[in-house]
Every structure is written in structure tokens, then in C-alpha cells.
């Protein structure tokens, strides 16, 4: 019917990039998930411009199945709301999901890929684990560096932008994170971990 869009009836894998939606947060450390998933979308020729599940999303048809690229628009601390809506709609098990996010405990540009685990203090992951009741989903943590001084406000740090000398390292990290996410969706998480995990 006119005015209605057809939604894909099945998804084989969900890749979620975490961040904050307002333009003032573009390019900040906390938006690493958004930046990595945007790069992945570009490599797949997909636009993340459809609105549903409190998110912007796009769907890539690959030779291994359909992959949804999801950018929650709920703000970081409520990311789980968007994720749960998408998982429930497609009746997709949480183990068929990969989350990309920032990590202040890793040096700038470092990656840490895990099959499951705790939230590590990352509020988006914390909300996803809380609302899904699951921690057995893969995640790619992207290092943004520790705050420069113990007294430095953590919120100010994660909402700050990268220094010019950090940008080349971060671009490489986003590229590697996007490649790793595709490997994981293809069932090769061990290969992704061996190739892209870096020591902090």
C-alpha cells in the first residue's frame, strides 16, 4: 500500500555501533561505534538511513546472508532499548549480534575483540546486557585512551574530540573494526581475534 515500507522479514546477523545521535557529538571518543559502523556501511555500499527500533539502520545483502547495521538513537546509556526492539522483531538470538563501542581502558586505536563478557564500565554495553539479560554476544572495543589526569572529568573526556595526531590511528582502528565485524558475522570470530586484537 502507498505510504508503507516493507521491512525485511529476516536478518541473519546484527551489527550495532554505539554512540550519541546529536551533531554536537560527532567525532567524539564516545561515538567510535558510530564511526566504525559508518565505515563498514560505506564498504558494503549501504546507507544507514532507515528509521525503526529507535535507531537508524541499513541492511546489507551479503553472500553469507542479511546483515543489519544499527545505530541506536536513544543516546548511549539507553542503547539496550533499541537493541532489544530489533532482536525481538526479528526473533534473533543475542549471540548473533556484534557490538562496536569505545573503550577508555585501551590505548588510542587499539582493538579488543571478545566473544562475551562484562560491560567493562561502558554504559551502552551495560544497558544492552541489562535489558537483554545476556552477555554472550561478541563485542569490538575500540580504544580511545585513558583520561589524561585522574581528576579529569570522565564525561568530558569521552565527549571530547580526537587530537589531530590521533586521527590517523583511529581511522585505521575503524577500518580494522569494520573488517573484524564482517569476519565475526561470517562465523570467524577466532580469526578476527587473532588478526585484530592488540595489546593495551
C-alpha atoms as a PDB file:
ATOM      1  CA  UNK A   1       0.000   0.000   0.000  1.00  0.00           C
ATOM      2  CA  UNK A   2       1.079   3.575  -0.551  1.00  0.00           C
ATOM      3  CA  UNK A   3       2.905   5.162   2.345  1.00  0.00           C
ATOM      4  CA  UNK A   4       4.042   1.881   3.834  1.00  0.00           C
ATOM      5  CA  UNK A   5       7.534   0.461   3.596  1.00  0.00           C
ATOM      6  CA  UNK A   6       8.167  -3.233   3.522  1.00  0.00           C
ATOM      7  CA  UNK A   7      10.505  -4.428   6.261  1.00  0.00           C
ATOM      8  CA  UNK A   8      12.849  -7.330   5.691  1.00  0.00           C
ATOM      9  CA  UNK A   9      11.321 -10.411   7.271  1.00  0.00           C
ATOM     10  CA  UNK A  10      14.583 -11.972   8.353  1.00  0.00           C
ATOM     11  CA  UNK A  11      18.043 -10.926   9.434  1.00  0.00           C
ATOM     12  CA  UNK A  12      20.992 -13.258   9.828  1.00  0.00           C
ATOM     13  CA  UNK A  13      23.252 -11.007  11.886  1.00  0.00           C
ATOM     14  CA  UNK A  14      23.028  -7.702  13.739  1.00  0.00           C
ATOM     15  CA  UNK A  15      25.964  -5.306  13.978  1.00  0.00           C
ATOM     16  CA  UNK A  16      25.392  -2.419  16.391  1.00  0.00           C
ATOM     17  CA  UNK A  17      27.506   0.713  16.555  1.00  0.00           C
ATOM     18  CA  UNK A  18      27.140   2.707  19.768  1.00  0.00           C
ATOM     19  CA  UNK A  19      27.172   6.481  20.052  1.00  0.00           C
ATOM     20  CA  UNK A  20      25.114   9.608  20.686  1.00  0.00           C
ATOM     21  CA  UNK A  21      22.891  10.990  17.910  1.00  0.00           C
ATOM     22  CA  UNK A  22      23.199  14.799  18.149  1.00  0.00           C
ATOM     23  CA  UNK A  23      25.558  16.542  15.728  1.00  0.00           C
ATOM     24  CA  UNK A  24      27.477  18.041  18.660  1.00  0.00           C
ATOM     25  CA  UNK A  25      28.721  14.530  19.477  1.00  0.00           C
ATOM     26  CA  UNK A  26      30.082  13.808  16.002  1.00  0.00           C
ATOM     27  CA  UNK A  27      33.751  12.884  16.072  1.00  0.00           C
ATOM     28  CA  UNK A  28      33.882  12.415  19.840  1.00  0.00           C
ATOM     29  CA  UNK A  29      35.542   9.477  21.572  1.00  0.00           C
ATOM     30  CA  UNK A  30      32.194   8.105  22.738  1.00  0.00           C
ATOM     31  CA  UNK A  31      30.997   7.867  19.122  1.00  0.00           C
ATOM     32  CA  UNK A  32      33.574   5.332  17.966  1.00  0.00           C
ATOM     33  CA  UNK A  33      30.864   2.748  17.344  1.00  0.00           C
ATOM     34  CA  UNK A  34      29.022   5.122  15.016  1.00  0.00           C
ATOM     35  CA  UNK A  35      32.189   5.973  13.108  1.00  0.00           C
ATOM     36  CA  UNK A  36      33.235   2.351  12.663  1.00  0.00           C
ATOM     37  CA  UNK A  37      29.807   1.227  11.505  1.00  0.00           C
ATOM     38  CA  UNK A  38      29.580   4.157   9.064  1.00  0.00           C
ATOM     39  CA  UNK A  39      32.846   2.982   7.514  1.00  0.00           C
ATOM     40  CA  UNK A  40      31.502  -0.570   7.348  1.00  0.00           C
ATOM     41  CA  UNK A  41      28.337   0.672   5.647  1.00  0.00           C
ATOM     42  CA  UNK A  42      30.394   2.542   3.066  1.00  0.00           C
ATOM     43  CA  UNK A  43      32.437  -0.578   2.323  1.00  0.00           C
ATOM     44  CA  UNK A  44      29.228  -2.556   1.784  1.00  0.00           C
ATOM     45  CA  UNK A  45      27.534   0.160  -0.260  1.00  0.00           C
ATOM     46  CA  UNK A  46      24.760   0.509   2.322  1.00  0.00           C
ATOM     47  CA  UNK A  47      23.091   3.676   3.603  1.00  0.00           C
ATOM     48  CA  UNK A  48      22.150   3.747   7.284  1.00  0.00           C
ATOM     49  CA  UNK A  49      19.152   5.981   6.789  1.00  0.00           C
ATOM     50  CA  UNK A  50      16.049   3.971   7.626  1.00  0.00           C
ATOM     51  CA  UNK A  51      14.265   4.649  10.918  1.00  0.00           C
ATOM     52  CA  UNK A  52      12.897   1.937  13.193  1.00  0.00           C
ATOM     53  CA  UNK A  53      13.698   0.334  16.564  1.00  0.00           C
ATOM     54  CA  UNK A  54      14.602   3.783  17.989  1.00  0.00           C
ATOM     55  CA  UNK A  55      17.514   3.585  15.533  1.00  0.00           C
ATOM     56  CA  UNK A  56      18.849   4.414  12.134  1.00  0.00           C
ATOM     57  CA  UNK A  57      19.656   1.272  10.219  1.00  0.00           C
ATOM     58  CA  UNK A  58      20.572  -0.242   6.885  1.00  0.00           C
ATOM     59  CA  UNK A  59      20.613  -3.805   5.630  1.00  0.00           C
ATOM     60  CA  UNK A  60      23.401  -5.391   3.606  1.00  0.00           C
ATOM     61  CA  UNK A  61      22.748  -8.413   1.433  1.00  0.00           C
ATOM     62  CA  UNK A  62      25.939 -10.465   1.527  1.00  0.00           C
ATOM     63  CA  UNK A  63      26.805 -13.913   0.235  1.00  0.00           C
ATOM     64  CA  UNK A  64      26.502 -15.118   3.838  1.00  0.00           C
ATOM     65  CA  UNK A  65      23.069 -13.605   4.445  1.00  0.00           C
ATOM     66  CA  UNK A  66      21.455 -10.351   5.523  1.00  0.00           C
ATOM     67  CA  UNK A  67      23.321  -8.155   7.968  1.00  0.00           C
ATOM     68  CA  UNK A  68      21.586  -5.280   9.734  1.00  0.00           C
ATOM     69  CA  UNK A  69      23.749  -2.271  10.633  1.00  0.00           C
ATOM     70  CA  UNK A  70      22.143  -0.465  13.568  1.00  0.00           C
ATOM     71  CA  UNK A  71      22.865   2.940  15.115  1.00  0.00           C
ATOM     72  CA  UNK A  72      20.687   3.427  18.228  1.00  0.00           C
ATOM     73  CA  UNK A  73      19.318   6.966  18.532  1.00  0.00           C
ATOM     74  CA  UNK A  74      18.484   6.617  22.224  1.00  0.00           C
ATOM     75  CA  UNK A  75      21.746   8.098  23.495  1.00  0.00           C
ATOM     76  CA  UNK A  76      24.448   5.812  24.786  1.00  0.00           C
ATOM     77  CA  UNK A  77      23.042   4.934  28.206  1.00  0.00           C
ATOM     78  CA  UNK A  78      19.779   3.576  26.739  1.00  0.00           C
ATOM     79  CA  UNK A  79      21.261   1.673  23.790  1.00  0.00           C
ATOM     80  CA  UNK A  80      19.698  -1.559  25.010  1.00  0.00           C
ATOM     81  CA  UNK A  81      16.197  -0.285  24.233  1.00  0.00           C
ATOM     82  CA  UNK A  82      16.998  -0.145  20.533  1.00  0.00           C
ATOM     83  CA  UNK A  83      18.850  -3.451  20.530  1.00  0.00           C
ATOM     84  CA  UNK A  84      16.039  -5.333  22.276  1.00  0.00           C
ATOM     85  CA  UNK A  85      13.455  -3.976  19.840  1.00  0.00           C
ATOM     86  CA  UNK A  86      15.489  -5.142  16.846  1.00  0.00           C
ATOM     87  CA  UNK A  87      16.299  -8.563  18.317  1.00  0.00           C
ATOM     88  CA  UNK A  88      12.674  -9.171  19.277  1.00  0.00           C
ATOM     89  CA  UNK A  89      11.299  -8.010  15.931  1.00  0.00           C
ATOM     90  CA  UNK A  90      13.499 -10.426  14.007  1.00  0.00           C
ATOM     91  CA  UNK A  91      13.415 -13.151  16.679  1.00  0.00           C
ATOM     92  CA  UNK A  92      17.179 -13.054  16.534  1.00  0.00           C
ATOM     93  CA  UNK A  93      19.240 -14.606  19.306  1.00  0.00           C
ATOM     94  CA  UNK A  94      21.616 -12.194  21.051  1.00  0.00           C
ATOM     95  CA  UNK A  95      24.523 -14.486  20.218  1.00  0.00           C
ATOM     96  CA  UNK A  96      24.071 -13.413  16.585  1.00  0.00           C
ATOM     97  CA  UNK A  97      24.980  -9.827  17.379  1.00  0.00           C
ATOM     98  CA  UNK A  98      28.215  -7.832  17.417  1.00  0.00           C
ATOM     99  CA  UNK A  99      28.501  -4.512  19.253  1.00  0.00           C
ATOM    100  CA  UNK A 100      31.115  -1.881  18.401  1.00  0.00           C
ATOM    101  CA  UNK A 101      31.938   0.654  21.098  1.00  0.00           C
ATOM    102  CA  UNK A 102      34.605   2.866  22.644  1.00  0.00           C
ATOM    103  CA  UNK A 103      36.880   1.756  25.483  1.00  0.00           C
ATOM    104  CA  UNK A 104      38.749   4.189  27.735  1.00  0.00           C
ATOM    105  CA  UNK A 105      40.912   1.379  29.125  1.00  0.00           C
ATOM    106  CA  UNK A 106      42.601   0.765  25.784  1.00  0.00           C
ATOM    107  CA  UNK A 107      45.230   2.965  24.183  1.00  0.00           C
ATOM    108  CA  UNK A 108      44.110   5.086  21.249  1.00  0.00           C
ATOM    109  CA  UNK A 109      43.488   2.944  18.177  1.00  0.00           C
ATOM    110  CA  UNK A 110      43.798  -0.422  19.907  1.00  0.00           C
ATOM    111  CA  UNK A 111      41.141  -3.092  19.423  1.00  0.00           C
ATOM    112  CA  UNK A 112      39.921  -5.769  21.780  1.00  0.00           C
ATOM    113  CA  UNK A 113      37.503  -8.360  20.445  1.00  0.00           C
ATOM    114  CA  UNK A 114      35.642 -10.676  22.805  1.00  0.00           C
ATOM    115  CA  UNK A 115      33.040 -13.406  22.336  1.00  0.00           C
ATOM    116  CA  UNK A 116      31.233 -12.380  25.520  1.00  0.00           C
ATOM    117  CA  UNK A 117      31.875 -10.764  28.871  1.00  0.00           C
ATOM    118  CA  UNK A 118      31.097  -7.900  31.223  1.00  0.00           C
ATOM    119  CA  UNK A 119      30.330  -4.328  30.261  1.00  0.00           C
ATOM    120  CA  UNK A 120      33.762  -3.141  31.416  1.00  0.00           C
ATOM    121  CA  UNK A 121      32.219   0.124  32.590  1.00  0.00           C
ATOM    122  CA  UNK A 122      30.897   1.037  29.121  1.00  0.00           C
ATOM    123  CA  UNK A 123      27.362   2.333  29.717  1.00  0.00           C
ATOM    124  CA  UNK A 124      25.963   1.321  26.344  1.00  0.00           C
ATOM    125  CA  UNK A 125      27.120  -2.256  26.813  1.00  0.00           C
ATOM    126  CA  UNK A 126      25.840  -2.156  30.386  1.00  0.00           C
ATOM    127  CA  UNK A 127      22.338  -1.247  29.224  1.00  0.00           C
ATOM    128  CA  UNK A 128      22.342  -3.870  26.468  1.00  0.00           C
ATOM    129  CA  UNK A 129      23.371  -6.595  28.930  1.00  0.00           C
ATOM    130  CA  UNK A 130      20.791  -5.411  31.464  1.00  0.00           C
ATOM    131  CA  UNK A 131      17.845  -5.291  29.053  1.00  0.00           C
ATOM    132  CA  UNK A 132      18.658  -8.452  27.094  1.00  0.00           C
ATOM    133  CA  UNK A 133      19.713 -10.394  30.166  1.00  0.00           C
ATOM    134  CA  UNK A 134      22.595 -11.699  28.058  1.00  0.00           C
ATOM    135  CA  UNK A 135      26.323 -11.134  27.893  1.00  0.00           C
ATOM    136  CA  UNK A 136      27.121 -13.851  25.347  1.00  0.00           C
ATOM    137  CA  UNK A 137      27.308 -11.589  22.316  1.00  0.00           C
ATOM    138  CA  UNK A 138      30.503 -10.535  20.579  1.00  0.00           C
ATOM    139  CA  UNK A 139      31.853  -7.051  21.005  1.00  0.00           C
ATOM    140  CA  UNK A 140      34.635  -5.000  19.446  1.00  0.00           C
ATOM    141  CA  UNK A 141      36.059  -2.438  21.816  1.00  0.00           C
ATOM    142  CA  UNK A 142      37.878   0.481  20.203  1.00  0.00           C
ATOM    143  CA  UNK A 143      40.498   2.201  22.334  1.00  0.00           C
ATOM    144  CA  UNK A 144      40.131   5.933  22.889  1.00  0.00           C
ATOM    145  CA  UNK A 145      42.768   6.267  25.610  1.00  0.00           C
ATOM    146  CA  UNK A 146      42.546   6.916  29.322  1.00  0.00           C
ATOM    147  CA  UNK A 147      41.683  10.365  30.593  1.00  0.00           C
ATOM    148  CA  UNK A 148      44.855  12.469  30.787  1.00  0.00           C
ATOM    149  CA  UNK A 149      44.678  13.087  34.537  1.00  0.00           C
ATOM    150  CA  UNK A 150      42.899  11.275  37.412  1.00  0.00           C
ATOM    151  CA  UNK A 151      40.947  14.429  38.257  1.00  0.00           C
ATOM    152  CA  UNK A 152      39.808  14.931  34.664  1.00  0.00           C
ATOM    153  CA  UNK A 153      36.023  14.556  34.372  1.00  0.00           C
ATOM    154  CA  UNK A 154      35.269  11.248  32.646  1.00  0.00           C
ATOM    155  CA  UNK A 155      32.197  12.553  30.801  1.00  0.00           C
ATOM    156  CA  UNK A 156      34.212  15.481  29.460  1.00  0.00           C
ATOM    157  CA  UNK A 157      36.892  13.069  28.292  1.00  0.00           C
ATOM    158  CA  UNK A 158      34.656  10.639  26.376  1.00  0.00           C
ATOM    159  CA  UNK A 159      32.750  13.556  24.843  1.00  0.00           C
ATOM    160  CA  UNK A 160      35.943  15.233  23.669  1.00  0.00           C
ATOM    161  CA  UNK A 161      37.195  15.031  20.100  1.00  0.00           C
ATOM    162  CA  UNK A 162      40.348  13.323  18.977  1.00  0.00           C
ATOM    163  CA  UNK A 163      43.561  15.286  18.712  1.00  0.00           C
ATOM    164  CA  UNK A 164      44.927  15.711  15.187  1.00  0.00           C
ATOM    165  CA  UNK A 165      47.770  13.277  15.833  1.00  0.00           C
ATOM    166  CA  UNK A 166      45.288  10.610  16.993  1.00  0.00           C
ATOM    167  CA  UNK A 167      43.087  10.727  13.903  1.00  0.00           C
ATOM    168  CA  UNK A 168      45.262   8.506  11.627  1.00  0.00           C
ATOM    169  CA  UNK A 169      45.385   5.808  14.318  1.00  0.00           C
ATOM    170  CA  UNK A 170      41.631   5.984  14.812  1.00  0.00           C
ATOM    171  CA  UNK A 171      40.917   5.763  11.085  1.00  0.00           C
ATOM    172  CA  UNK A 172      42.966   2.574  10.944  1.00  0.00           C
ATOM    173  CA  UNK A 173      41.155   1.268  14.011  1.00  0.00           C
ATOM    174  CA  UNK A 174      37.749   1.923  12.437  1.00  0.00           C
ATOM    175  CA  UNK A 175      38.864   0.155   9.268  1.00  0.00           C
ATOM    176  CA  UNK A 176      40.081  -2.877  11.204  1.00  0.00           C
ATOM    177  CA  UNK A 177      36.986  -2.927  13.409  1.00  0.00           C
ATOM    178  CA  UNK A 178      34.716  -2.952  10.362  1.00  0.00           C
ATOM    179  CA  UNK A 179      36.675  -5.814   8.789  1.00  0.00           C
ATOM    180  CA  UNK A 180      36.600  -7.737  12.068  1.00  0.00           C
ATOM    181  CA  UNK A 181      32.837  -7.266  12.368  1.00  0.00           C
ATOM    182  CA  UNK A 182      32.323  -8.863   8.958  1.00  0.00           C
ATOM    183  CA  UNK A 183      34.601 -11.763   9.898  1.00  0.00           C
ATOM    184  CA  UNK A 184      32.545 -12.338  13.034  1.00  0.00           C
ATOM    185  CA  UNK A 185      29.266 -12.259  11.108  1.00  0.00           C
ATOM    186  CA  UNK A 186      30.810 -14.821   8.773  1.00  0.00           C
ATOM    187  CA  UNK A 187      31.448 -17.146  11.711  1.00  0.00           C
ATOM    188  CA  UNK A 188      35.167 -16.430  12.010  1.00  0.00           C
ATOM    189  CA  UNK A 189      35.456 -14.713  15.389  1.00  0.00           C
ATOM    190  CA  UNK A 190      38.602 -16.629  16.356  1.00  0.00           C
ATOM    191  CA  UNK A 191      40.279 -15.460  13.167  1.00  0.00           C
ATOM    192  CA  UNK A 192      39.141 -11.896  13.851  1.00  0.00           C
ATOM    193  CA  UNK A 193      40.521 -12.052  17.385  1.00  0.00           C
ATOM    194  CA  UNK A 194      43.851 -13.452  16.228  1.00  0.00           C
ATOM    195  CA  UNK A 195      44.220 -10.868  13.486  1.00  0.00           C
ATOM    196  CA  UNK A 196      42.893  -7.686  15.085  1.00  0.00           C
ATOM    197  CA  UNK A 197      43.216  -7.983  18.858  1.00  0.00           C
ATOM    198  CA  UNK A 198      46.003  -5.723  20.086  1.00  0.00           C
ATOM    199  CA  UNK A 199      47.613  -5.416  23.476  1.00  0.00           C
ATOM    200  CA  UNK A 200      46.845  -2.331  25.514  1.00  0.00           C
END
